[in-house]
């Protein structure tokens, strides 16, 4: 059941899920072997879940089996607790229960409990017990989500939960369940704020509205309300009669709104701008909750140094001691070759790397290009190669595509290191099953584009040399000198880091500034779809009592 639930959760979100079995990093030769072994098949992300250490013995056998397993673990926890319930004291929610329900609510799982859970009659003991057991089940579900891990996580949720119960520290464990990133705290605060906004009816602006400076229109009153409510426009208005005037104050506020929503900040009421203005807080909350779920897979405690790539915002950050020391633009995979969400590590750098394109790129792009423009592959420094390392044999590539294709039975097509190499001067090798990595690029002009989902899945870096400098801070002078020397030539150089640095490829379409301003990125892979919770979180018993309804998804308009 554990595996099926996690699969259901992320497959419904449209996410690719990968399985990590052992620690390894792909070298140039291993990447090539993996690519060539695919043959004529497309390389697609594996949709298998990797979860935390079997906290519950869930197997998709039968409903009775699943319920039985849950009851066994619950009874084991109660044996450590020495009290009637984990989440209730004197028939009322205790601090642990309140903390867990607050988290479930922020994740979009609404608990409608017996009013105040006060003075329940003796016959309600069985109801409380079943609620108590279900809350425990939900805790394990949340604690055991490790989506996208490419190595074995260090957290041990089952042991940690049992220890928290034994030490009477369950409330503290729940509070620390979400990863301790500032963004998580800001996001939960924003969800609470938008809940208050959702209590009021949200105005809808006419989609055909078009205004010029100084024009009066009744729709401007709605526009002002939205901009004031979202803190893009100062609340105070000197003159009431100007409420319907499209003046410079409104235009400047509209530009702020557009910046926060990834729109062109021209102060004009374009179709995209009006569409964004009309999205109600209730719908915004749903998107925030989806993003909060994605944060669950990151480590509970961020490491001292890590790399984070937020795919939909096309940006990489390097964090050291909780401070962002580097930020740069990136190019990510297009909609047909999406960059996979993952938690991984970088443990080595390749200076002046060779590029071995995949079977699909060779046959669907490069050979077709060479047929149209004979000799183009030769001019781009492509070669025919077989073998690896010192034993590698390299031959000049043919001018015609037919001869190249015939040779591919014995040779593989590579692009030699050099100024035109698609990987540029640096490749950062990250552990994964997708043949994906971070790398430099010779086409720097593409970074001026606002929409940068352009690659075949890898992450291209605007300033790869700056990331290399950050990664090499704690490395020996000898290794730094090796890089310096390699950059003066076209000779490939492999540099292994003495300690791997974690890399998070995330998909956050909601991002908050330190001041709490909410920014929205385009959902480039269409993953922020209406969210449905898996049956295990929806409850096996929707209604236990006429006055008690359990775990229903929050409704949105």
Protein backbone atom coordinates (compact mmCIF):
# COMPACT_ATOMS: atom_id res chain seq x y z
CA UNK A 1 0.00 0.00 0.00
CA UNK A 2 2.84 2.38 0.82
CA UNK A 3 4.25 2.16 -2.70
CA UNK A 4 0.88 2.38 -4.40
CA UNK A 5 -0.08 5.45 -2.37
CA UNK A 6 3.08 7.34 -3.20
CA UNK A 7 2.74 6.37 -6.85
CA UNK A 8 -0.85 7.58 -6.84
CA UNK A 9 0.11 10.88 -5.26
CA UNK A 10 2.81 11.85 -7.69
CA UNK A 11 1.40 10.24 -10.82
CA UNK A 12 -1.75 12.25 -10.26
CA UNK A 13 0.47 15.32 -10.11
CA UNK A 14 1.98 14.31 -13.43
CA UNK A 15 5.43 13.87 -11.95
CA UNK A 16 8.03 11.32 -13.00
CA UNK A 17 9.17 9.12 -10.11
CA UNK A 18 12.50 7.40 -10.06
CA UNK A 19 13.97 4.59 -8.05
CA UNK A 20 17.41 4.70 -6.45
CA UNK A 21 18.96 1.37 -5.52
CA UNK A 22 22.63 2.04 -4.95
CA UNK A 23 25.10 4.91 -4.96
CA UNK A 24 26.81 5.49 -8.26
CA UNK A 25 27.87 8.30 -10.57
CA UNK A 26 27.86 8.00 -14.33
CA UNK A 27 31.20 8.44 -16.02
CA UNK A 28 31.49 9.33 -19.71
CA UNK A 29 31.67 5.65 -20.67
CA UNK A 30 28.76 4.66 -18.42
CA UNK A 31 26.61 7.44 -19.84
CA UNK A 32 27.36 6.19 -23.34
CA UNK A 33 26.62 2.58 -22.43
CA UNK A 34 23.31 3.58 -20.87
CA UNK A 35 22.37 5.65 -23.90
CA UNK A 36 23.37 3.01 -26.43
CA UNK A 37 21.62 0.25 -24.53
CA UNK A 38 18.33 2.01 -25.14
CA UNK A 39 18.55 1.27 -28.85
CA UNK A 40 15.66 2.78 -30.76
CA UNK A 41 13.56 3.33 -27.65
CA UNK A 42 12.98 6.78 -26.20
CA UNK A 43 14.69 7.62 -22.96
CA UNK A 44 11.90 8.45 -20.52
CA UNK A 45 11.93 8.86 -16.74
CA UNK A 46 11.23 5.70 -14.79
CA UNK A 47 7.94 5.91 -12.90
CA UNK A 48 8.87 3.94 -9.82
CA UNK A 49 8.72 5.22 -6.29
CA UNK A 50 11.56 5.27 -3.79
CA UNK A 51 10.44 5.66 -0.21
CA UNK A 52 11.87 5.83 3.25
CA UNK A 53 12.89 2.53 4.81
CA UNK A 54 9.60 0.62 4.90
CA UNK A 55 8.07 2.41 7.89
CA UNK A 56 4.95 0.31 7.46
CA UNK A 57 4.78 -3.16 5.90
CA UNK A 58 2.32 -1.94 3.23
CA UNK A 59 1.88 -4.21 0.26
CA UNK A 60 -0.89 -4.00 -2.36
CA UNK A 61 -2.45 -7.27 -1.25
CA UNK A 62 -5.92 -6.50 0.06
CA UNK A 63 -7.77 -3.87 2.00
CA UNK A 64 -8.05 -6.15 5.01
CA UNK A 65 -4.30 -6.79 4.93
CA UNK A 66 -3.59 -3.06 4.74
CA UNK A 67 -5.86 -2.22 7.65
CA UNK A 68 -4.38 -5.06 9.70
CA UNK A 69 -0.82 -3.81 9.14
CA UNK A 70 -1.78 -0.30 10.17
CA UNK A 71 -3.40 -1.56 13.34
CA UNK A 72 -0.28 -3.56 14.24
CA UNK A 73 2.01 -0.55 13.92
CA UNK A 74 -0.48 1.63 15.79
CA UNK A 75 -0.58 -0.85 18.66
CA UNK A 76 3.23 -0.95 18.74
CA UNK A 77 3.29 2.83 19.05
CA UNK A 78 0.67 2.76 21.81
CA UNK A 79 2.83 0.28 23.70
CA UNK A 80 5.56 2.94 23.79
CA UNK A 81 3.10 5.72 24.67
CA UNK A 82 1.48 4.24 27.79
CA UNK A 83 -1.63 6.37 27.24
CA UNK A 84 -5.02 5.85 25.66
CA UNK A 85 -4.36 7.92 22.54
CA UNK A 86 -1.48 9.55 20.66
CA UNK A 87 -3.31 12.67 19.51
CA UNK A 88 -5.92 13.23 22.24
CA UNK A 89 -5.92 14.02 25.95
CA UNK A 90 -9.15 13.92 27.92
CA UNK A 91 -11.14 13.51 24.70
CA UNK A 92 -9.63 16.71 23.24
CA UNK A 93 -6.89 17.20 20.72
CA UNK A 94 -3.51 17.59 22.39
CA UNK A 95 -0.64 19.76 21.15
CA UNK A 96 0.63 16.97 18.88
CA UNK A 97 -2.80 16.52 17.35
CA UNK A 98 -3.24 20.24 16.75
CA UNK A 99 0.19 20.44 15.10
CA UNK A 100 -0.53 17.50 12.80
CA UNK A 101 -3.96 18.77 11.79
CA UNK A 102 -2.49 22.21 11.08
CA UNK A 103 0.03 20.57 8.74
CA UNK A 104 -2.64 18.42 7.09
CA UNK A 105 -4.77 21.50 6.52
CA UNK A 106 -1.85 23.33 4.92
CA UNK A 107 -1.34 20.33 2.64
CA UNK A 108 -4.97 20.58 1.58
CA UNK A 109 -6.36 17.77 3.74
CA UNK A 110 -9.24 19.20 5.72
CA UNK A 111 -10.11 17.71 9.08
CA UNK A 112 -13.66 18.45 10.21
CA UNK A 113 -13.63 17.19 13.77
CA UNK A 114 -16.38 16.97 16.34
CA UNK A 115 -16.92 20.59 17.52
CA UNK A 116 -13.94 21.37 19.75
CA UNK A 117 -13.75 17.64 20.58
CA UNK A 118 -15.06 18.59 24.02
CA UNK A 119 -17.01 16.45 26.50
CA UNK A 120 -17.47 13.49 24.23
CA UNK A 121 -19.77 10.85 25.62
CA UNK A 122 -18.25 7.50 26.64
CA UNK A 123 -19.64 5.87 23.51
CA UNK A 124 -17.41 8.19 21.47
CA UNK A 125 -14.24 6.46 22.69
CA UNK A 126 -14.24 4.16 19.68
CA UNK A 127 -14.62 7.16 17.38
CA UNK A 128 -11.62 8.89 18.96
CA UNK A 129 -9.57 5.71 18.73
CA UNK A 130 -10.28 5.40 15.01
CA UNK A 131 -9.46 9.07 14.43
CA UNK A 132 -6.29 8.61 16.47
CA UNK A 133 -5.26 5.64 14.37
CA UNK A 134 -6.03 7.45 11.13
CA UNK A 135 -3.98 10.50 12.11
CA UNK A 136 -1.10 8.13 12.84
CA UNK A 137 -1.50 6.59 9.39
CA UNK A 138 -1.39 10.05 7.81
CA UNK A 139 1.74 10.92 9.75
CA UNK A 140 3.52 7.87 8.34
CA UNK A 141 2.31 8.71 4.83
CA UNK A 142 3.78 12.21 4.98
CA UNK A 143 6.97 11.16 6.76
CA UNK A 144 7.77 8.48 4.19
CA UNK A 145 7.57 10.52 1.00
CA UNK A 146 10.99 10.59 -0.66
CA UNK A 147 10.17 11.52 -4.21
CA UNK A 148 13.00 11.73 -6.74
CA UNK A 149 15.85 10.52 -4.51
CA UNK A 150 18.85 9.19 -6.40
CA UNK A 151 20.56 7.89 -3.27
CA UNK A 152 19.47 6.29 -0.03
CA UNK A 153 18.09 8.93 2.36
CA UNK A 154 19.65 9.16 5.80
CA UNK A 155 16.40 9.85 7.62
CA UNK A 156 14.77 6.92 9.42
CA UNK A 157 11.12 7.93 9.86
CA UNK A 158 9.92 4.77 11.60
CA UNK A 159 12.66 4.90 14.21
CA UNK A 160 12.23 8.65 14.62
CA UNK A 161 8.47 8.40 15.14
CA UNK A 162 8.79 5.59 17.66
CA UNK A 163 11.47 7.54 19.53
CA UNK A 164 9.34 10.70 19.50
CA UNK A 165 6.41 8.79 20.99
CA UNK A 166 8.64 7.17 23.60
CA UNK A 167 10.15 10.55 24.57
CA UNK A 168 6.76 12.29 24.52
CA UNK A 169 8.10 14.62 21.80
CA UNK A 170 5.57 13.88 19.06
CA UNK A 171 4.53 17.55 18.70
CA UNK A 172 8.15 18.56 18.12
CA UNK A 173 8.59 15.80 15.55
CA UNK A 174 5.51 16.98 13.63
CA UNK A 175 6.76 20.58 13.68
CA UNK A 176 10.06 19.43 12.16
CA UNK A 177 8.46 17.10 9.63
CA UNK A 178 8.48 19.68 6.85
CA UNK A 179 11.96 20.49 5.55
CA UNK A 180 13.46 23.40 7.47
CA UNK A 181 13.88 25.71 4.49
CA UNK A 182 12.85 29.35 4.80
CA UNK A 183 10.65 28.95 1.74
CA UNK A 184 8.54 26.33 3.53
CA UNK A 185 7.87 28.65 6.46
CA UNK A 186 7.02 31.53 4.11
CA UNK A 187 4.74 29.28 2.05
CA UNK A 188 2.74 28.10 5.05
CA UNK A 189 2.36 31.71 6.17
CA UNK A 190 1.12 32.66 2.70
CA UNK A 191 -1.42 29.81 2.75
CA UNK A 192 -2.78 31.14 6.04
CA UNK A 193 -2.99 34.66 4.61
CA UNK A 194 -4.77 33.53 1.45
CA UNK A 195 -7.27 31.59 3.55
CA UNK A 196 -8.34 34.89 5.02
CA UNK A 197 -8.56 36.44 1.55
CA UNK A 198 -10.68 33.51 0.35
CA UNK A 199 -13.42 34.39 2.82
CA UNK A 200 -14.41 37.36 0.66
CA UNK A 201 -16.01 37.19 -2.79
CA UNK A 202 -13.31 37.71 -5.40
CA UNK A 203 -14.22 40.21 -8.15
CA UNK A 204 -14.00 39.20 -11.81
CA UNK A 205 -12.71 41.76 -14.29
CA UNK A 206 -14.13 41.84 -17.81
CA UNK A 207 -11.68 39.88 -19.99
CA UNK A 208 -12.22 42.36 -22.84
CA UNK A 209 -11.39 45.40 -20.71
CA UNK A 210 -8.97 47.86 -22.32
CA UNK A 211 -8.04 51.14 -20.61
CA UNK A 212 -5.83 54.13 -21.29
CA UNK A 213 -4.21 56.49 -18.82
CA UNK A 214 -6.75 58.75 -17.15
CA UNK A 215 -9.77 56.80 -18.40
CA UNK A 216 -12.66 56.23 -16.03
CA UNK A 217 -14.40 52.86 -15.84
CA UNK A 218 -16.38 50.95 -13.23
CA UNK A 219 -14.05 47.94 -13.65
CA UNK A 220 -11.20 50.01 -12.21
CA UNK A 221 -12.90 49.80 -8.81
CA UNK A 222 -12.52 46.00 -8.98
CA UNK A 223 -8.94 46.35 -10.19
CA UNK A 224 -8.07 48.62 -7.27
CA UNK A 225 -9.66 46.17 -4.81
CA UNK A 226 -7.56 43.27 -6.15
CA UNK A 227 -4.32 45.27 -6.16
CA UNK A 228 -4.91 46.58 -2.62
CA UNK A 229 -5.88 43.12 -1.32
CA UNK A 230 -2.69 41.61 -2.77
CA UNK A 231 -0.58 44.49 -1.36
CA UNK A 232 0.51 45.80 -4.76
CA UNK A 233 -1.35 49.09 -4.19
CA UNK A 234 -1.42 51.20 -1.04
CA UNK A 235 -4.72 50.90 0.74
CA UNK A 236 -5.20 54.59 1.41
CA UNK A 237 -6.82 56.62 -1.35
CA UNK A 238 -6.92 60.39 -0.94
CA UNK A 239 -9.92 61.06 -3.14
CA UNK A 240 -12.88 58.73 -3.33
CA UNK A 241 -13.95 60.09 -6.71
CA UNK A 242 -10.75 58.66 -8.27
CA UNK A 243 -11.65 55.06 -7.41
CA UNK A 244 -12.76 54.43 -10.99
CA UNK A 245 -9.84 56.25 -12.68
CA UNK A 246 -7.06 54.30 -14.37
CA UNK A 247 -4.29 56.59 -13.11
CA UNK A 248 -0.47 56.29 -12.72
CA UNK A 249 -0.89 54.91 -9.21
CA UNK A 250 -2.92 51.98 -10.51
CA UNK A 251 -0.58 51.44 -13.46
CA UNK A 252 2.49 51.27 -11.18
CA UNK A 253 0.70 48.81 -8.89
CA UNK A 254 -0.30 46.74 -11.93
CA UNK A 255 3.37 46.57 -12.96
CA UNK A 256 4.26 45.19 -9.50
CA UNK A 257 1.53 42.60 -9.89
CA UNK A 258 2.84 41.62 -13.34
CA UNK A 259 6.40 41.22 -12.05
CA UNK A 260 5.20 38.90 -9.29
CA UNK A 261 3.31 36.79 -11.80
CA UNK A 262 6.04 36.47 -14.41
CA UNK A 263 4.27 38.78 -16.86
CA UNK A 264 5.63 41.62 -18.95
CA UNK A 265 5.59 44.64 -16.59
CA UNK A 266 4.05 47.14 -19.00
CA UNK A 267 1.10 48.23 -16.85
CA UNK A 268 -1.35 47.17 -19.56
CA UNK A 269 -4.45 45.06 -19.05
CA UNK A 270 -3.49 42.26 -21.41
CA UNK A 271 -5.43 39.00 -21.61
CA UNK A 272 -2.76 37.21 -19.54
CA UNK A 273 -2.79 39.95 -16.91
CA UNK A 274 -6.59 39.94 -16.58
CA UNK A 275 -6.57 36.13 -16.36
CA UNK A 276 -4.05 36.29 -13.49
CA UNK A 277 -6.04 39.04 -11.73
CA UNK A 278 -9.19 36.92 -11.88
CA UNK A 279 -7.67 33.85 -10.22
CA UNK A 280 -9.29 33.67 -6.81
CA UNK A 281 -7.35 33.17 -3.56
CA UNK A 282 -9.05 29.77 -3.16
CA UNK A 283 -7.49 28.56 -6.43
CA UNK A 284 -4.16 30.09 -5.47
CA UNK A 285 -4.27 28.10 -2.23
CA UNK A 286 -4.58 24.85 -4.19
CA UNK A 287 -1.44 25.69 -6.16
CA UNK A 288 0.39 26.58 -2.95
CA UNK A 289 -0.61 23.26 -1.40
CA UNK A 290 0.67 21.33 -4.41
CA UNK A 291 3.98 23.15 -4.04
CA UNK A 292 4.07 22.40 -0.31
CA UNK A 293 3.70 18.68 -1.09
CA UNK A 294 6.76 18.91 -3.33
CA UNK A 295 8.83 20.35 -0.49
CA UNK A 296 8.11 17.24 1.59
CA UNK A 297 10.66 15.19 -0.33
CA UNK A 298 13.64 17.37 0.53
CA UNK A 299 15.78 16.59 3.59
CA UNK A 300 14.32 17.70 6.92
CA UNK A 301 17.50 19.59 7.71
CA UNK A 302 19.23 21.34 4.79
CA UNK A 303 22.95 20.57 4.51
CA UNK A 304 25.55 23.28 4.99
CA UNK A 305 26.20 23.56 1.24
CA UNK A 306 23.85 22.66 -1.58
CA UNK A 307 22.79 23.52 -5.12
CA UNK A 308 19.12 24.20 -5.87
CA UNK A 309 17.66 24.49 -9.36
CA UNK A 310 14.07 25.69 -9.52
CA UNK A 311 12.98 24.38 -12.92
CA UNK A 312 10.00 26.64 -13.73
CA UNK A 313 11.85 29.81 -12.67
CA UNK A 314 14.91 28.86 -14.76
CA UNK A 315 17.28 29.66 -11.91
CA UNK A 316 20.11 28.00 -9.98
CA UNK A 317 21.20 28.97 -6.48
CA UNK A 318 24.21 27.88 -4.48
CA UNK A 319 23.65 28.06 -0.72
CA UNK A 320 26.37 28.08 1.90
CA UNK A 321 25.52 28.36 5.61
CA UNK A 322 21.91 29.29 4.75
CA UNK A 323 23.11 32.20 2.60
CA UNK A 324 22.73 32.33 -1.16
CA UNK A 325 26.24 32.92 -2.45
CA UNK A 326 25.53 32.40 -6.14
CA UNK A 327 22.51 32.79 -8.42
CA UNK A 328 22.32 32.39 -12.18
CA UNK A 329 19.95 31.78 -15.06
CA UNK A 330 19.58 28.25 -16.42
CA UNK A 331 18.02 26.51 -19.40
CA UNK A 332 15.93 23.40 -18.62
CA UNK A 333 14.26 20.63 -20.59
CA UNK A 334 11.44 21.39 -22.98
CA UNK A 335 7.96 19.93 -22.60
CA UNK A 336 8.92 16.83 -24.62
CA UNK A 337 12.10 16.28 -22.60
CA UNK A 338 11.30 17.66 -19.12
CA UNK A 339 14.08 18.01 -16.61
CA UNK A 340 13.30 15.42 -13.91
CA UNK A 341 12.64 16.49 -10.34
CA UNK A 342 15.25 14.86 -8.16
CA UNK A 343 17.35 14.91 -5.02
CA UNK A 344 20.89 13.97 -5.95
CA UNK A 345 24.57 14.87 -5.48
CA UNK A 346 27.38 16.27 -7.58
CA UNK A 347 30.64 14.47 -6.87
CA UNK A 348 32.81 15.35 -9.87
CA UNK A 349 33.48 17.80 -12.67
CA UNK A 350 34.50 17.10 -16.24
CA UNK A 351 36.58 19.88 -17.78
CA UNK A 352 36.49 19.99 -21.61
CA UNK A 353 33.99 17.11 -21.75
CA UNK A 354 33.15 15.06 -24.80
CA UNK A 355 29.48 14.95 -25.71
CA UNK A 356 27.89 11.65 -26.64
CA UNK A 357 24.40 12.44 -27.98
CA UNK A 358 21.62 9.93 -27.39
CA UNK A 359 20.30 7.61 -30.08
CA UNK A 360 17.23 9.80 -30.57
CA UNK A 361 19.25 13.00 -30.92
CA UNK A 362 21.60 11.35 -33.41
CA UNK A 363 18.90 9.85 -35.63
CA UNK A 364 16.11 12.40 -35.22
CA UNK A 365 18.18 15.57 -35.31
CA UNK A 366 21.89 15.38 -36.14
CA UNK A 367 21.74 13.02 -39.12
CA UNK A 368 18.76 14.90 -40.54
CA UNK A 369 20.65 18.18 -40.17
CA UNK A 370 23.70 16.67 -41.85
CA UNK A 371 21.57 15.37 -44.73
CA UNK A 372 20.21 18.87 -45.31
CA UNK A 373 23.65 20.41 -44.92
CA UNK A 374 26.30 17.76 -45.77
CA UNK A 375 29.47 18.07 -43.70
CA UNK A 376 27.81 20.06 -40.90
CA UNK A 377 28.71 17.43 -38.30
CA UNK A 378 32.35 17.48 -39.36
CA UNK A 379 32.40 21.27 -39.07
CA UNK A 380 30.93 21.00 -35.57
CA UNK A 381 33.83 18.76 -34.54
CA UNK A 382 31.89 15.50 -34.38
CA UNK A 383 33.91 12.27 -34.56
CA UNK A 384 33.35 8.52 -34.78
CA UNK A 385 34.69 6.75 -31.71
CA UNK A 386 34.85 3.29 -30.16
CA UNK A 387 36.29 2.19 -26.86
CA UNK A 388 36.90 4.33 -23.79
CA UNK A 389 39.65 6.27 -22.07
CA UNK A 390 43.22 5.68 -23.23
CA UNK A 391 42.05 2.87 -25.52
CA UNK A 392 39.50 5.00 -27.32
CA UNK A 393 39.86 5.02 -31.12
CA UNK A 394 38.66 8.17 -32.87
CA UNK A 395 38.06 8.51 -36.60
CA UNK A 396 37.00 11.55 -38.67
CA UNK A 397 33.29 11.69 -39.35
CA UNK A 398 32.01 11.27 -42.91
CA UNK A 399 30.44 14.15 -44.79
CA UNK A 400 27.35 12.19 -45.86
CA UNK A 401 24.75 10.90 -43.40
CA UNK A 402 24.40 7.47 -45.03
CA UNK A 403 28.06 6.63 -44.37
CA UNK A 404 27.82 7.92 -40.80
CA UNK A 405 24.72 5.82 -40.16
CA UNK A 406 26.40 2.71 -41.55
CA UNK A 407 29.40 3.23 -39.28
CA UNK A 408 27.26 3.56 -36.14
CA UNK A 409 27.02 -0.20 -35.87
CA UNK A 410 30.67 -0.25 -34.80
CA UNK A 411 31.28 3.33 -33.72
CA UNK A 412 29.40 5.90 -31.71
CA UNK A 413 29.03 9.55 -32.64
CA UNK A 414 30.74 11.98 -30.26
CA UNK A 415 31.45 15.69 -30.28
CA UNK A 416 35.05 16.32 -29.31
CA UNK A 417 35.99 18.93 -26.72
CA UNK A 418 36.33 22.43 -28.08
CA UNK A 419 34.66 25.80 -28.39
CA UNK A 420 31.64 24.39 -30.24
CA UNK A 421 31.04 21.48 -27.87
CA UNK A 422 27.42 21.43 -26.72
CA UNK A 423 28.52 20.94 -23.10
CA UNK A 424 30.89 23.89 -23.16
CA UNK A 425 33.91 23.79 -20.86
CA UNK A 426 32.29 22.20 -17.78
CA UNK A 427 30.05 19.28 -16.99
CA UNK A 428 28.90 18.68 -13.40
CA UNK A 429 28.27 14.99 -12.93
CA UNK A 430 25.22 14.25 -10.80
CA UNK A 431 24.05 10.84 -9.72
CA UNK A 432 20.86 9.86 -11.60
CA UNK A 433 19.19 7.35 -13.89
CA UNK A 434 18.25 9.83 -16.61
CA UNK A 435 21.63 10.67 -18.17
CA UNK A 436 20.98 14.23 -17.02
CA UNK A 437 23.61 16.62 -15.72
CA UNK A 438 24.40 20.30 -15.24
CA UNK A 439 26.71 21.74 -17.87
CA UNK A 440 28.13 24.80 -19.57
CA UNK A 441 26.94 25.87 -23.03
CA UNK A 442 28.47 27.80 -25.94
CA UNK A 443 25.10 29.36 -26.85
CA UNK A 444 25.02 32.08 -24.19
CA UNK A 445 22.68 34.22 -26.27
CA UNK A 446 19.75 31.99 -25.29
CA UNK A 447 19.83 33.25 -21.72
CA UNK A 448 18.25 36.54 -22.80
CA UNK A 449 15.05 34.61 -23.54
CA UNK A 450 12.35 34.74 -20.91
CA UNK A 451 11.11 31.24 -21.80
CA UNK A 452 14.07 28.91 -21.38
CA UNK A 453 12.64 25.38 -21.48
CA UNK A 454 14.80 24.51 -24.48
CA UNK A 455 17.06 21.55 -23.70
CA UNK A 456 16.70 17.77 -23.96
CA UNK A 457 16.49 17.51 -20.15
CA UNK A 458 19.92 18.63 -18.96
CA UNK A 459 20.39 21.92 -17.14
CA UNK A 460 22.52 24.45 -19.02
CA UNK A 461 24.26 27.06 -16.89
CA UNK A 462 24.73 30.72 -17.65
CA UNK A 463 27.97 30.95 -15.64
CA UNK A 464 29.30 27.43 -15.18
CA UNK A 465 32.75 28.66 -14.13
CA UNK A 466 31.23 30.41 -11.09
CA UNK A 467 29.56 27.20 -9.94
CA UNK A 468 32.87 25.36 -10.38
CA UNK A 469 34.55 27.95 -8.16
CA UNK A 470 31.95 27.41 -5.43
CA UNK A 471 32.31 23.61 -5.58
CA UNK A 472 36.12 23.81 -5.46
CA UNK A 473 36.34 26.07 -2.38
CA UNK A 474 37.31 23.21 -0.05
CA UNK A 475 39.36 21.27 -2.60
CA UNK A 476 43.15 21.05 -2.76
CA UNK A 477 45.29 23.55 -4.64
CA UNK A 478 46.46 20.67 -6.82
CA UNK A 479 42.93 20.05 -8.10
CA UNK A 480 42.39 23.76 -8.68
CA UNK A 481 45.59 23.87 -10.68
CA UNK A 482 44.46 20.87 -12.74
CA UNK A 483 41.32 22.77 -13.74
CA UNK A 484 43.30 25.90 -14.54
CA UNK A 485 45.67 23.97 -16.79
CA UNK A 486 42.89 22.01 -18.51
CA UNK A 487 41.08 25.22 -19.44
CA UNK A 488 44.09 26.32 -21.49
CA UNK A 489 43.74 23.23 -23.70
CA UNK A 490 41.02 21.06 -25.21
CA UNK A 491 42.16 18.02 -23.22
CA UNK A 492 39.46 16.43 -21.07
CA UNK A 493 40.11 16.42 -17.32
CA UNK A 494 38.09 14.59 -14.65
CA UNK A 495 38.07 16.13 -11.15
CA UNK A 496 36.53 14.21 -8.25
CA UNK A 497 35.29 16.18 -5.25
CA UNK A 498 36.41 14.92 -1.86
CA UNK A 499 32.81 15.14 -0.65
CA UNK A 500 29.61 15.11 -2.71
CA UNK A 501 27.42 18.21 -2.56
CA UNK A 502 23.67 17.77 -2.64
CA UNK A 503 21.75 19.03 -5.66
CA UNK A 504 17.99 19.62 -5.64
CA UNK A 505 16.18 19.86 -8.96
CA UNK A 506 12.85 21.24 -7.74
CA UNK A 507 9.60 22.35 -9.32
CA UNK A 508 8.27 25.29 -7.36
CA UNK A 509 5.82 27.54 -9.20
CA UNK A 510 5.31 29.56 -6.01
CA UNK A 511 8.27 31.44 -4.58
CA UNK A 512 8.36 33.98 -1.75
CA UNK A 513 10.76 36.81 -1.02
CA UNK A 514 12.19 37.25 2.50
CA UNK A 515 9.59 40.00 2.94
CA UNK A 516 6.82 37.51 2.19
CA UNK A 517 5.91 38.72 -1.31
CA UNK A 518 4.43 35.85 -3.33
CA UNK A 519 5.89 35.29 -6.80
CA UNK A 520 4.37 32.92 -9.34
CA UNK A 521 6.20 31.11 -12.14
CA UNK A 522 4.63 29.66 -15.27
CA UNK A 523 3.67 26.00 -14.93
CA UNK A 524 5.88 24.99 -17.86
CA UNK A 525 5.25 21.22 -17.53
CA UNK A 526 1.56 21.54 -16.58
CA UNK A 527 2.08 19.88 -13.20
CA UNK A 528 -0.08 22.26 -11.15
CA UNK A 529 -3.24 20.45 -12.13
CA UNK A 530 -6.28 19.99 -9.87
CA UNK A 531 -5.02 17.95 -6.97
CA UNK A 532 -6.67 14.78 -5.78
CA UNK A 533 -5.50 13.06 -2.65
CA UNK A 534 -4.85 9.31 -2.61
CA UNK A 535 -7.33 7.04 -0.92
CA UNK A 536 -5.03 6.39 2.01
CA UNK A 537 -5.18 10.09 2.91
CA UNK A 538 -8.85 10.44 2.03
CA UNK A 539 -9.82 8.00 4.77
CA UNK A 540 -11.08 4.46 4.68
CA UNK A 541 -14.14 5.65 6.56
CA UNK A 542 -15.45 8.94 5.20
CA UNK A 543 -18.03 9.35 7.90
CA UNK A 544 -17.66 7.64 11.24
CA UNK A 545 -20.26 9.66 13.05
CA UNK A 546 -22.95 12.04 11.88
CA UNK A 547 -21.01 14.84 13.55
CA UNK A 548 -17.52 13.74 12.50
CA UNK A 549 -16.23 13.89 8.91
CA UNK A 550 -12.66 12.88 8.21
CA UNK A 551 -10.05 14.00 5.73
CA UNK A 552 -11.86 15.66 2.85
CA UNK A 553 -9.94 17.67 0.24
CA UNK A 554 -10.58 21.39 0.54
CA UNK A 555 -13.04 22.61 -2.07
CA UNK A 556 -11.99 25.28 -4.51
CA UNK A 557 -14.15 27.45 -6.70
